Amino acid sequence: MLRAAAAALLFVSGTAFADELEDCAKLANADDRLACYDKVAKRELPPEEASRTAYLTRSWKLGPNDGGVRRMADITTYRPNYILLRYTSRPNLEPRSPSTGRAPLTDLNKTEIEVQASFKTELMSRAAFDELHLTRATSLIGFDSMRLWFAYTQGMGWQTFNHGQSRPIRETDYEPELILTLGRSNTGNGFKLLNLGFSHQSNGLDQLEHRGWSRLYAQGGWDYQRFSILGRVWRVVNQSDDDNPNIRRFMGSGDVVMRYESTGGYVTSSLLRHNFDTGRGLVQLDWATPVSRAFGGLKFHAQISSGYGITLLDYNHQQWTAGIGVSFGD
């Protein structure tokens, strides 16, 4: 009986679905026909899957319904937020720079706790730019929205198991940014945004161990259903008291971030940097799987990386690392 009922239900729903597709095919206008197909296809998906927009569209508020005023409570994830137990193949026992020389450190453990916290919030909303009539100018070059963001990222390496040195915090990197986002609210695949930004990164250390740099950058973003790409190029802002004048030789002039989110919220991402003149760079791979919807979307997180600049103090130090832990947020 149950099998017969299930078969009948499948037959009826399948027939209705076919009828809807046939009705769409009868529409003469191509745009109307495509919209009809999209509507039918979304109705066949589970509600959560049908309503979930592409990653860049939702994380940078590019959708047609994201034009509201700014609220201070609207703080969103910028880069991954995680706590990892991380192992390194080569601790940097002698950080060096052409400006500061060498800074011999005491014994470091190969294993430490790595923490990263990152967020962004709007300083000026799309509605504010609309009131200033600035989006009229950007619409001429294909962008229908503007936003100004403040972003902040802080990373910390804590020598938790280094009992002999009283468990020191090896380094803390601080990176505030200002980002002007020119967005496109188109719902299909393809080019979604152009970010124009200023970034300053520093580890706040003194004398021989101090590292810092400032950059102006342009970043393009593309969404392809569950796959997204962010490609960025930057120009280093020269400073008279630069502690690391050769940082570009190791960190390059840009990076590429790729992200894929499968059904169920499993996220795989990569960060790639490369200097084609020196052959130096970085490859970082991250994988996160949902554990709980509570606590900000708790995920199990694994990360491996190889190359230069895993932290700012290690900008010219080559190593590979592997870490496991938890991450939070989108």
C-alpha atoms as a PDB file:
ATOM      1  CA  MET A   1       0.000   0.000   0.000  1.00  0.00           C
ATOM      2  CA  LEU A   2       2.752   2.434   0.997  1.00  0.00           C
ATOM      3  CA  ARG A   3       4.719   1.607  -2.144  1.00  0.00           C
ATOM      4  CA  ALA A   4       1.662   2.178  -4.306  1.00  0.00           C
ATOM      5  CA  ALA A   5       0.948   5.510  -2.608  1.00  0.00           C
ATOM      6  CA  ALA A   6       4.550   6.619  -3.000  1.00  0.00           C
ATOM      7  CA  ALA A   7       4.565   5.617  -6.653  1.00  0.00           C
ATOM      8  CA  ALA A   8       1.334   7.502  -7.250  1.00  0.00           C
ATOM      9  CA  LEU A   9       2.722  10.587  -5.518  1.00  0.00           C
ATOM     10  CA  LEU A  10       5.887  10.486  -7.597  1.00  0.00           C
ATOM     11  CA  PHE A  11       3.859  10.032 -10.767  1.00  0.00           C
ATOM     12  CA  VAL A  12       1.563  12.965  -9.983  1.00  0.00           C
ATOM     13  CA  SER A  13       4.397  15.285  -8.943  1.00  0.00           C
ATOM     14  CA  GLY A  14       6.470  14.256 -11.949  1.00  0.00           C
ATOM     15  CA  THR A  15       3.558  14.873 -14.297  1.00  0.00           C
ATOM     16  CA  ALA A  16       2.915  18.292 -12.748  1.00  0.00           C
ATOM     17  CA  PHE A  17       6.605  19.176 -13.084  1.00  0.00           C
ATOM     18  CA  ALA A  18       6.578  18.153 -16.759  1.00  0.00           C
ATOM     19  CA  ASP A  19       3.434  20.211 -17.367  1.00  0.00           C
ATOM     20  CA  GLU A  20       5.070  23.279 -15.816  1.00  0.00           C
ATOM     21  CA  LEU A  21       8.141  22.866 -18.025  1.00  0.00           C
ATOM     22  CA  GLU A  22       5.890  22.547 -21.062  1.00  0.00           C
ATOM     23  CA  ASP A  23       4.093  25.768 -20.092  1.00  0.00           C
ATOM     24  CA  CYS A  24       7.461  27.531 -19.835  1.00  0.00           C
ATOM     25  CA  ALA A  25       8.474  26.288 -23.273  1.00  0.00           C
ATOM     26  CA  LYS A  26       5.381  27.925 -24.790  1.00  0.00           C
ATOM     27  CA  LEU A  27       6.505  31.416 -23.745  1.00  0.00           C
ATOM     28  CA  ALA A  28       7.698  33.408 -26.748  1.00  0.00           C
ATOM     29  CA  ASN A  29       9.996  35.841 -24.939  1.00  0.00           C
ATOM     30  CA  ALA A  30      13.405  34.298 -24.124  1.00  0.00           C
ATOM     31  CA  ASP A  31      13.835  36.209 -20.848  1.00  0.00           C
ATOM     32  CA  ASP A  32      10.353  35.243 -19.655  1.00  0.00           C
ATOM     33  CA  ARG A  33      11.012  31.634 -20.622  1.00  0.00           C
ATOM     34  CA  LEU A  34      14.305  31.537 -18.678  1.00  0.00           C
ATOM     35  CA  ALA A  35      12.689  33.139 -15.618  1.00  0.00           C
ATOM     36  CA  CYS A  36       9.920  30.530 -15.767  1.00  0.00           C
ATOM     37  CA  TYR A  37      12.445  27.662 -15.885  1.00  0.00           C
ATOM     38  CA  ASP A  38      14.344  29.154 -12.921  1.00  0.00           C
ATOM     39  CA  LYS A  39      11.142  29.456 -10.911  1.00  0.00           C
ATOM     40  CA  VAL A  40      10.167  25.833 -11.558  1.00  0.00           C
ATOM     41  CA  ALA A  41      13.668  24.532 -10.822  1.00  0.00           C
ATOM     42  CA  LYS A  42      13.882  26.391  -7.502  1.00  0.00           C
ATOM     43  CA  ARG A  43      10.524  24.958  -6.454  1.00  0.00           C
ATOM     44  CA  GLU A  44      11.974  21.458  -6.858  1.00  0.00           C
ATOM     45  CA  LEU A  45      14.819  22.225  -4.415  1.00  0.00           C
ATOM     46  CA  PRO A  46      14.533  21.995  -0.628  1.00  0.00           C
ATOM     47  CA  PRO A  47      13.526  25.425   0.777  1.00  0.00           C
ATOM     48  CA  GLU A  48      16.965  26.066   2.305  1.00  0.00           C
ATOM     49  CA  GLU A  49      18.777  25.266  -0.948  1.00  0.00           C
ATOM     50  CA  ALA A  50      16.384  27.264  -3.121  1.00  0.00           C
ATOM     51  CA  SER A  51      16.658  30.404  -0.999  1.00  0.00           C
ATOM     52  CA  ARG A  52      20.425  30.344  -0.421  1.00  0.00           C
ATOM     53  CA  THR A  53      22.142  32.874  -2.657  1.00  0.00           C
ATOM     54  CA  ALA A  54      25.675  32.633  -4.019  1.00  0.00           C
ATOM     55  CA  TYR A  55      28.482  33.288  -1.553  1.00  0.00           C
ATOM     56  CA  LEU A  56      29.767  36.660  -2.770  1.00  0.00           C
ATOM     57  CA  THR A  57      26.237  37.963  -3.299  1.00  0.00           C
ATOM     58  CA  ARG A  58      25.215  37.249   0.283  1.00  0.00           C
ATOM     59  CA  SER A  59      28.528  38.032   2.030  1.00  0.00           C
ATOM     60  CA  TRP A  60      28.949  41.416   0.301  1.00  0.00           C
ATOM     61  CA  LYS A  61      25.190  42.246   0.296  1.00  0.00           C
ATOM     62  CA  LEU A  62      24.904  42.520  -3.479  1.00  0.00           C
ATOM     63  CA  GLY A  63      21.340  41.285  -3.886  1.00  0.00           C
ATOM     64  CA  PRO A  64      18.496  43.528  -5.086  1.00  0.00           C
ATOM     65  CA  ASN A  65      16.912  43.382  -1.606  1.00  0.00           C
ATOM     66  CA  ASP A  66      20.102  44.397   0.238  1.00  0.00           C
ATOM     67  CA  GLY A  67      19.712  48.133  -0.210  1.00  0.00           C
ATOM     68  CA  GLY A  68      18.649  49.044   3.316  1.00  0.00           C
ATOM     69  CA  VAL A  69      20.260  51.552   5.628  1.00  0.00           C
ATOM     70  CA  ARG A  70      23.347  50.707   7.645  1.00  0.00           C
ATOM     71  CA  ARG A  71      22.992  49.366  11.180  1.00  0.00           C
ATOM     72  CA  MET A  72      25.943  49.160  13.567  1.00  0.00           C
ATOM     73  CA  ALA A  73      24.846  45.662  14.577  1.00  0.00           C
ATOM     74  CA  ASP A  74      25.346  44.430  11.001  1.00  0.00           C
ATOM     75  CA  ILE A  75      28.769  42.894  11.590  1.00  0.00           C
ATOM     76  CA  THR A  76      29.563  40.056   9.205  1.00  0.00           C
ATOM     77  CA  THR A  77      32.379  37.602   8.622  1.00  0.00           C
ATOM     78  CA  TYR A  78      35.240  38.838   6.459  1.00  0.00           C
ATOM     79  CA  ARG A  79      37.896  36.114   6.462  1.00  0.00           C
ATOM     80  CA  PRO A  80      37.606  32.737   8.217  1.00  0.00           C
ATOM     81  CA  ASN A  81      37.377  32.841  12.024  1.00  0.00           C
ATOM     82  CA  TYR A  82      39.100  29.848  13.588  1.00  0.00           C
ATOM     83  CA  ILE A  83      41.042  28.318  16.465  1.00  0.00           C
ATOM     84  CA  LEU A  84      43.568  25.714  15.299  1.00  0.00           C
ATOM     85  CA  LEU A  85      46.192  23.466  16.812  1.00  0.00           C
ATOM     86  CA  ARG A  86      48.945  23.966  14.242  1.00  0.00           C
ATOM     87  CA  TYR A  87      52.231  22.202  13.546  1.00  0.00           C
ATOM     88  CA  THR A  88      55.066  23.791  11.578  1.00  0.00           C
ATOM     89  CA  SER A  89      57.960  22.043   9.886  1.00  0.00           C
ATOM     90  CA  ARG A  90      60.440  24.898  10.583  1.00  0.00           C
ATOM     91  CA  PRO A  91      59.903  27.378  13.424  1.00  0.00           C
ATOM     92  CA  ASN A  92      61.457  30.739  12.580  1.00  0.00           C
ATOM     93  CA  LEU A  93      64.195  30.879  15.224  1.00  0.00           C
ATOM     94  CA  GLU A  94      66.017  33.824  13.639  1.00  0.00           C
ATOM     95  CA  PRO A  95      63.654  36.359  12.011  1.00  0.00           C
ATOM     96  CA  ARG A  96      65.567  38.700   9.737  1.00  0.00           C
ATOM     97  CA  SER A  97      65.055  41.701   7.495  1.00  0.00           C
ATOM     98  CA  PRO A  98      67.386  43.937   5.439  1.00  0.00           C
ATOM     99  CA  SER A  99      66.391  46.895   7.639  1.00  0.00           C
ATOM    100  CA  THR A 100      66.394  45.349  11.106  1.00  0.00           C
ATOM    101  CA  GLY A 101      68.988  42.587  10.760  1.00  0.00           C
ATOM    102  CA  ARG A 102      68.645  39.303  12.611  1.00  0.00           C
ATOM    103  CA  ALA A 103      66.678  38.782  15.816  1.00  0.00           C
ATOM    104  CA  PRO A 104      67.645  35.461  17.453  1.00  0.00           C
ATOM    105  CA  LEU A 105      64.720  34.047  19.414  1.00  0.00           C
ATOM    106  CA  THR A 106      64.611  31.607  22.277  1.00  0.00           C
ATOM    107  CA  ASP A 107      63.524  28.042  21.690  1.00  0.00           C
ATOM    108  CA  LEU A 108      60.151  27.689  19.953  1.00  0.00           C
ATOM    109  CA  ASN A 109      57.881  24.667  19.852  1.00  0.00           C
ATOM    110  CA  LYS A 110      56.789  23.305  16.498  1.00  0.00           C
ATOM    111  CA  THR A 111      53.189  23.146  17.746  1.00  0.00           C
ATOM    112  CA  GLU A 112      51.161  26.178  18.792  1.00  0.00           C
ATOM    113  CA  ILE A 113      47.610  27.497  18.941  1.00  0.00           C
ATOM    114  CA  GLU A 114      46.681  29.697  15.977  1.00  0.00           C
ATOM    115  CA  VAL A 115      43.703  32.036  16.338  1.00  0.00           C
ATOM    116  CA  GLN A 116      42.204  34.255  13.628  1.00  0.00           C
ATOM    117  CA  ALA A 117      39.309  36.678  14.114  1.00  0.00           C
ATOM    118  CA  SER A 118      37.983  38.691  11.175  1.00  0.00           C
ATOM    119  CA  PHE A 119      34.907  40.849  10.564  1.00  0.00           C
ATOM    120  CA  LYS A 120      33.588  43.684   8.438  1.00  0.00           C
ATOM    121  CA  THR A 121      30.853  46.276   8.829  1.00  0.00           C
ATOM    122  CA  GLU A 122      29.446  49.009   6.614  1.00  0.00           C
ATOM    123  CA  LEU A 123      30.591  52.594   7.144  1.00  0.00           C
ATOM    124  CA  MET A 124      28.344  53.831   4.323  1.00  0.00           C
ATOM    125  CA  SER A 125      25.441  51.779   3.014  1.00  0.00           C
ATOM    126  CA  ARG A 126      24.115  51.412  -0.480  1.00  0.00           C
ATOM    127  CA  ALA A 127      21.206  53.682   0.475  1.00  0.00           C
ATOM    128  CA  ALA A 128      23.615  56.448   1.538  1.00  0.00           C
ATOM    129  CA  PHE A 129      25.432  56.339  -1.805  1.00  0.00           C
ATOM    130  CA  ASP A 130      22.073  56.329  -3.615  1.00  0.00           C
ATOM    131  CA  GLU A 131      21.065  59.512  -1.793  1.00  0.00           C
ATOM    132  CA  LEU A 132      24.297  61.152  -2.969  1.00  0.00           C
ATOM    133  CA  HIS A 133      23.465  60.061  -6.553  1.00  0.00           C
ATOM    134  CA  LEU A 134      26.915  58.466  -6.901  1.00  0.00           C
ATOM    135  CA  THR A 135      25.545  55.157  -8.169  1.00  0.00           C
ATOM    136  CA  ARG A 136      24.315  56.916 -11.304  1.00  0.00           C
ATOM    137  CA  ALA A 137      27.929  57.332 -12.382  1.00  0.00           C
ATOM    138  CA  THR A 138      28.927  53.747 -11.557  1.00  0.00           C
ATOM    139  CA  SER A 139      25.894  52.391 -13.425  1.00  0.00           C
ATOM    140  CA  LEU A 140      27.496  53.672 -16.620  1.00  0.00           C
ATOM    141  CA  ILE A 141      30.300  51.113 -16.150  1.00  0.00           C
ATOM    142  CA  GLY A 142      28.019  48.250 -15.097  1.00  0.00           C
ATOM    143  CA  PHE A 143      27.831  48.601 -11.295  1.00  0.00           C
ATOM    144  CA  ASP A 144      24.483  49.307  -9.642  1.00  0.00           C
ATOM    145  CA  SER A 145      25.563  49.623  -5.998  1.00  0.00           C
ATOM    146  CA  MET A 146      28.305  51.124  -3.826  1.00  0.00           C
ATOM    147  CA  ARG A 147      29.264  50.437  -0.216  1.00  0.00           C
ATOM    148  CA  LEU A 148      32.108  51.496   2.047  1.00  0.00           C
ATOM    149  CA  TRP A 149      33.288  48.864   4.512  1.00  0.00           C
ATOM    150  CA  PHE A 150      35.615  48.768   7.485  1.00  0.00           C
ATOM    151  CA  ALA A 151      37.247  45.357   7.888  1.00  0.00           C
ATOM    152  CA  TYR A 152      39.543  44.057  10.590  1.00  0.00           C
ATOM    153  CA  THR A 153      41.548  40.842  10.854  1.00  0.00           C
ATOM    154  CA  GLN A 154      43.709  39.749  13.771  1.00  0.00           C
ATOM    155  CA  GLY A 155      45.824  36.605  13.904  1.00  0.00           C
ATOM    156  CA  MET A 156      47.717  35.247  16.896  1.00  0.00           C
ATOM    157  CA  GLY A 157      50.285  32.481  17.373  1.00  0.00           C
ATOM    158  CA  TRP A 158      50.371  31.243  20.972  1.00  0.00           C
ATOM    159  CA  GLN A 159      53.136  28.890  22.137  1.00  0.00           C
ATOM    160  CA  THR A 160      50.731  27.128  24.486  1.00  0.00           C
ATOM    161  CA  PHE A 161      52.914  24.073  25.085  1.00  0.00           C
ATOM    162  CA  ASN A 162      56.217  25.938  25.508  1.00  0.00           C
ATOM    163  CA  HIS A 163      56.471  25.531  29.285  1.00  0.00           C
ATOM    164  CA  GLY A 164      60.148  26.494  29.378  1.00  0.00           C
ATOM    165  CA  GLN A 165      59.407  29.966  27.973  1.00  0.00           C
ATOM    166  CA  SER A 166      56.216  30.534  30.011  1.00  0.00           C
ATOM    167  CA  ARG A 167      53.899  29.892  27.047  1.00  0.00           C
ATOM    168  CA  PRO A 168      54.564  33.159  25.168  1.00  0.00           C
ATOM    169  CA  ILE A 169      52.436  34.696  22.424  1.00  0.00           C
ATOM    170  CA  ARG A 170      54.906  34.505  19.554  1.00  0.00           C
ATOM    171  CA  GLU A 171      53.253  37.086  17.323  1.00  0.00           C
ATOM    172  CA  THR A 172      49.994  38.982  16.825  1.00  0.00           C
ATOM    173  CA  ASP A 173      49.199  40.439  13.394  1.00  0.00           C
ATOM    174  CA  TYR A 174      46.735  43.329  13.079  1.00  0.00           C
ATOM    175  CA  GLU A 175      45.153  44.315   9.765  1.00  0.00           C
ATOM    176  CA  PRO A 176      42.523  47.070   9.462  1.00  0.00           C
ATOM    177  CA  GLU A 177      41.134  47.834   5.986  1.00  0.00           C
ATOM    178  CA  LEU A 178      38.914  50.315   4.190  1.00  0.00           C
ATOM    179  CA  ILE A 179      37.062  48.786   1.229  1.00  0.00           C
ATOM    180  CA  LEU A 180      34.897  50.498  -1.379  1.00  0.00           C
ATOM    181  CA  THR A 181      32.696  47.865  -3.038  1.00  0.00           C
ATOM    182  CA  LEU A 182      31.192  48.404  -6.477  1.00  0.00           C
ATOM    183  CA  GLY A 183      28.591  45.682  -6.865  1.00  0.00           C
ATOM    184  CA  ARG A 184      26.346  44.081  -9.451  1.00  0.00           C
ATOM    185  CA  SER A 185      22.990  42.677  -8.342  1.00  0.00           C
ATOM    186  CA  ASN A 186      22.555  40.338 -11.315  1.00  0.00           C
ATOM    187  CA  THR A 187      21.314  36.946 -10.152  1.00  0.00           C
ATOM    188  CA  GLY A 188      23.198  34.803 -12.664  1.00  0.00           C
ATOM    189  CA  ASN A 189      26.777  33.577 -12.751  1.00  0.00           C
ATOM    190  CA  GLY A 190      29.774  35.744 -13.538  1.00  0.00           C
ATOM    191  CA  PHE A 191      31.379  39.001 -12.455  1.00  0.00           C
ATOM    192  CA  LYS A 192      29.864  40.309  -9.206  1.00  0.00           C
ATOM    193  CA  LEU A 193      32.010  42.998  -7.607  1.00  0.00           C
ATOM    194  CA  LEU A 194      35.047  45.232  -7.692  1.00  0.00           C
ATOM    195  CA  ASN A 195      36.677  46.066  -4.352  1.00  0.00           C
ATOM    196  CA  LEU A 196      39.025  49.054  -4.081  1.00  0.00           C
ATOM    197  CA  GLY A 197      40.841  48.911  -0.776  1.00  0.00           C
ATOM    198  CA  PHE A 198      43.548  50.176   1.535  1.00  0.00           C
ATOM    199  CA  SER A 199      45.153  47.757   3.990  1.00  0.00           C
ATOM    200  CA  HIS A 200      47.712  48.233   6.749  1.00  0.00           C
ATOM    201  CA  GLN A 201      49.158  45.161   8.418  1.00  0.00           C
ATOM    202  CA  SER A 202      51.531  45.200  11.384  1.00  0.00           C
ATOM    203  CA  ASN A 203      52.616  42.821  14.130  1.00  0.00           C
ATOM    204  CA  GLY A 204      53.096  45.570  16.719  1.00  0.00           C
ATOM    205  CA  LEU A 205      56.440  44.206  17.894  1.00  0.00           C
ATOM    206  CA  ASP A 206      59.438  46.345  18.785  1.00  0.00           C
ATOM    207  CA  GLN A 207      62.771  46.924  17.113  1.00  0.00           C
ATOM    208  CA  LEU A 208      64.267  43.835  15.455  1.00  0.00           C
ATOM    209  CA  GLU A 209      61.023  41.844  15.228  1.00  0.00           C
ATOM    210  CA  HIS A 210      58.725  44.580  13.946  1.00  0.00           C
ATOM    211  CA  ARG A 211      57.113  43.960  10.556  1.00  0.00           C
ATOM    212  CA  GLY A 212      54.510  46.021   8.741  1.00  0.00           C
ATOM    213  CA  TRP A 213      53.319  47.106   5.319  1.00  0.00           C
ATOM    214  CA  SER A 214      50.553  49.103   3.676  1.00  0.00           C
ATOM    215  CA  ARG A 215      48.859  48.326   0.366  1.00  0.00           C
ATOM    216  CA  LEU A 216      46.426  49.802  -2.117  1.00  0.00           C
ATOM    217  CA  TYR A 217      44.563  47.074  -3.979  1.00  0.00           C
ATOM    218  CA  ALA A 218      41.890  46.224  -6.505  1.00  0.00           C
ATOM    219  CA  GLN A 219      39.957  42.962  -6.209  1.00  0.00           C
ATOM    220  CA  GLY A 220      37.470  41.345  -8.561  1.00  0.00           C
ATOM    221  CA  GLY A 221      34.891  38.759  -7.513  1.00  0.00           C
ATOM    222  CA  TRP A 222      33.063  36.089  -9.539  1.00  0.00           C
ATOM    223  CA  ASP A 223      30.272  33.707  -8.503  1.00  0.00           C
ATOM    224  CA  TYR A 224      29.479  30.463 -10.328  1.00  0.00           C
ATOM    225  CA  GLN A 225      26.662  28.857  -8.344  1.00  0.00           C
ATOM    226  CA  ARG A 226      28.507  27.219  -5.407  1.00  0.00           C
ATOM    227  CA  PHE A 227      31.972  28.251  -6.614  1.00  0.00           C
ATOM    228  CA  SER A 228      33.436  31.722  -6.083  1.00  0.00           C
ATOM    229  CA  ILE A 229      36.718  33.435  -6.961  1.00  0.00           C
ATOM    230  CA  LEU A 230      38.316  36.588  -5.571  1.00  0.00           C
ATOM    231  CA  GLY A 231      41.369  37.844  -7.470  1.00  0.00           C
ATOM    232  CA  ARG A 232      43.392  40.747  -6.094  1.00  0.00           C
ATOM    233  CA  VAL A 233      46.378  42.834  -7.184  1.00  0.00           C
ATOM    234  CA  TRP A 234      48.094  45.346  -4.910  1.00  0.00           C
ATOM    235  CA  ARG A 235      50.700  48.055  -4.830  1.00  0.00           C
ATOM    236  CA  VAL A 236      52.882  48.376  -1.751  1.00  0.00           C
ATOM    237  CA  VAL A 237      52.929  51.881  -0.250  1.00  0.00           C
ATOM    238  CA  ASN A 238      56.592  52.745   0.293  1.00  0.00           C
ATOM    239  CA  GLN A 239      57.633  54.086   3.697  1.00  0.00           C
ATOM    240  CA  SER A 240      60.876  55.801   4.691  1.00  0.00           C
ATOM    241  CA  ASP A 241      61.173  53.661   7.841  1.00  0.00           C
ATOM    242  CA  ASP A 242      60.213  50.376   6.165  1.00  0.00           C
ATOM    243  CA  ASP A 243      61.123  47.364   8.328  1.00  0.00           C
ATOM    244  CA  ASN A 244      60.744  44.892   5.464  1.00  0.00           C
ATOM    245  CA  PRO A 245      61.578  46.619   2.146  1.00  0.00           C
ATOM    246  CA  ASN A 246      61.874  43.309   0.281  1.00  0.00           C
ATOM    247  CA  ILE A 247      58.481  41.924   1.325  1.00  0.00           C
ATOM    248  CA  ARG A 248      57.141  41.927  -2.233  1.00  0.00           C
ATOM    249  CA  ARG A 249      59.848  39.424  -3.273  1.00  0.00           C
ATOM    250  CA  PHE A 250      58.207  36.853  -0.991  1.00  0.00           C
ATOM    251  CA  MET A 251      54.557  37.963  -0.789  1.00  0.00           C
ATOM    252  CA  GLY A 252      54.146  38.917  -4.453  1.00  0.00           C
ATOM    253  CA  SER A 253      51.799  41.533  -5.873  1.00  0.00           C
ATOM    254  CA  GLY A 254      48.463  39.780  -5.523  1.00  0.00           C
ATOM    255  CA  ASP A 255      46.507  36.730  -4.421  1.00  0.00           C
ATOM    256  CA  VAL A 256      43.640  34.494  -5.503  1.00  0.00           C
ATOM    257  CA  VAL A 257      41.044  33.028  -3.143  1.00  0.00           C
ATOM    258  CA  MET A 258      38.810  30.212  -4.412  1.00  0.00           C
ATOM    259  CA  ARG A 259      35.889  28.768  -2.463  1.00  0.00           C
ATOM    260  CA  TYR A 260      33.465  25.900  -3.057  1.00  0.00           C
ATOM    261  CA  GLU A 261      30.474  25.141  -0.838  1.00  0.00           C
ATOM    262  CA  SER A 262      28.765  21.797  -1.349  1.00  0.00           C
ATOM    263  CA  THR A 263      25.268  20.762  -0.302  1.00  0.00           C
ATOM    264  CA  GLY A 264      25.123  20.595   3.469  1.00  0.00           C
ATOM    265  CA  GLY A 265      27.501  23.498   4.060  1.00  0.00           C
ATOM    266  CA  TYR A 266      30.852  21.747   3.504  1.00  0.00           C
ATOM    267  CA  VAL A 267      33.370  24.412   2.472  1.00  0.00           C
ATOM    268  CA  THR A 268      36.666  23.924   0.639  1.00  0.00           C
ATOM    269  CA  SER A 269      38.826  26.981  -0.048  1.00  0.00           C
ATOM    270  CA  SER A 270      42.315  27.901  -1.189  1.00  0.00           C
ATOM    271  CA  LEU A 271      44.602  30.930  -0.996  1.00  0.00           C
ATOM    272  CA  LEU A 272      47.307  31.306  -3.647  1.00  0.00           C
ATOM    273  CA  ARG A 273      50.137  33.846  -3.843  1.00  0.00           C
ATOM    274  CA  HIS A 274      53.078  33.845  -6.248  1.00  0.00           C
ATOM    275  CA  ASN A 275      55.848  36.171  -7.380  1.00  0.00           C
ATOM    276  CA  PHE A 276      56.721  35.189 -10.945  1.00  0.00           C
ATOM    277  CA  ASP A 277      60.069  37.020 -10.748  1.00  0.00           C
ATOM    278  CA  THR A 278      61.379  35.175  -7.683  1.00  0.00           C
ATOM    279  CA  GLY A 279      59.289  31.986  -7.827  1.00  0.00           C
ATOM    280  CA  ARG A 280      58.252  32.411  -4.184  1.00  0.00           C
ATOM    281  CA  GLY A 281      54.735  32.366  -2.839  1.00  0.00           C
ATOM    282  CA  LEU A 282      52.204  30.521  -0.710  1.00  0.00           C
ATOM    283  CA  VAL A 283      49.586  27.794  -1.099  1.00  0.00           C
ATOM    284  CA  GLN A 284      46.981  27.373   1.640  1.00  0.00           C
ATOM    285  CA  LEU A 285      44.085  24.899   1.631  1.00  0.00           C
ATOM    286  CA  ASP A 286      41.183  24.938   4.100  1.00  0.00           C
ATOM    287  CA  TRP A 287      38.348  22.491   4.637  1.00  0.00           C
ATOM    288  CA  ALA A 288      35.409  23.059   6.998  1.00  0.00           C
ATOM    289  CA  THR A 289      32.480  20.781   7.775  1.00  0.00           C
ATOM    290  CA  PRO A 290      29.419  21.783   9.850  1.00  0.00           C
ATOM    291  CA  VAL A 291      29.199  20.510  13.412  1.00  0.00           C
ATOM    292  CA  SER A 292      26.435  22.644  14.920  1.00  0.00           C
ATOM    293  CA  ARG A 293      24.236  25.540  13.843  1.00  0.00           C
ATOM    294  CA  ALA A 294      24.622  26.939  17.337  1.00  0.00           C
ATOM    295  CA  PHE A 295      27.627  29.034  18.418  1.00  0.00           C
ATOM    296  CA  GLY A 296      27.756  30.982  15.165  1.00  0.00           C
ATOM    297  CA  GLY A 297      27.690  27.956  12.858  1.00  0.00           C
ATOM    298  CA  LEU A 298      30.419  25.821  14.461  1.00  0.00           C
ATOM    299  CA  LYS A 299      32.531  23.814  11.989  1.00  0.00           C
ATOM    300  CA  PHE A 300      35.366  21.331  12.206  1.00  0.00           C
ATOM    301  CA  HIS A 301      38.281  22.967  10.368  1.00  0.00           C
ATOM    302  CA  ALA A 302      41.466  21.594   8.814  1.00  0.00           C
ATOM    303  CA  GLN A 303      44.206  23.656   7.158  1.00  0.00           C
ATOM    304  CA  ILE A 304      47.497  22.986   5.398  1.00  0.00           C
ATOM    305  CA  SER A 305      49.866  25.590   3.965  1.00  0.00           C
ATOM    306  CA  SER A 306      53.264  25.735   2.333  1.00  0.00           C
ATOM    307  CA  GLY A 307      55.490  28.645   1.370  1.00  0.00           C
ATOM    308  CA  TYR A 308      56.380  32.122   2.591  1.00  0.00           C
ATOM    309  CA  GLY A 309      54.430  34.634   4.653  1.00  0.00           C
ATOM    310  CA  ILE A 310      52.181  32.361   6.688  1.00  0.00           C
ATOM    311  CA  THR A 311      52.545  35.069   9.345  1.00  0.00           C
ATOM    312  CA  LEU A 312      53.946  38.568   8.922  1.00  0.00           C
ATOM    313  CA  LEU A 313      57.086  37.881  10.970  1.00  0.00           C
ATOM    314  CA  ASP A 314      57.701  34.871   8.709  1.00  0.00           C
ATOM    315  CA  TYR A 315      57.273  36.810   5.445  1.00  0.00           C
ATOM    316  CA  ASN A 316      60.698  35.626   4.187  1.00  0.00           C
ATOM    317  CA  HIS A 317      60.740  32.266   5.988  1.00  0.00           C
ATOM    318  CA  GLN A 318      59.758  29.060   4.173  1.00  0.00           C
ATOM    319  CA  GLN A 319      57.823  26.344   5.990  1.00  0.00           C
ATOM    320  CA  TRP A 320      54.828  24.081   5.754  1.00  0.00           C
ATOM    321  CA  THR A 321      52.118  23.857   8.399  1.00  0.00           C
ATOM    322  CA  ALA A 322      49.140  21.646   9.210  1.00  0.00           C
ATOM    323  CA  GLY A 323      46.366  22.500  11.634  1.00  0.00           C
ATOM    324  CA  ILE A 324      43.055  21.172  12.924  1.00  0.00           C
ATOM    325  CA  GLY A 325      40.434  22.857  15.070  1.00  0.00           C
ATOM    326  CA  VAL A 326      37.141  24.687  14.776  1.00  0.00           C
ATOM    327  CA  SER A 327      35.867  27.660  12.775  1.00  0.00           C
ATOM    328  CA  PHE A 328      32.831  29.908  13.081  1.00  0.00           C
ATOM    329  CA  GLY A 329      30.608  31.913  10.785  1.00  0.00           C
ATOM    330  CA  ASP A 330      29.777  31.703   7.080  1.00  0.00           C
END
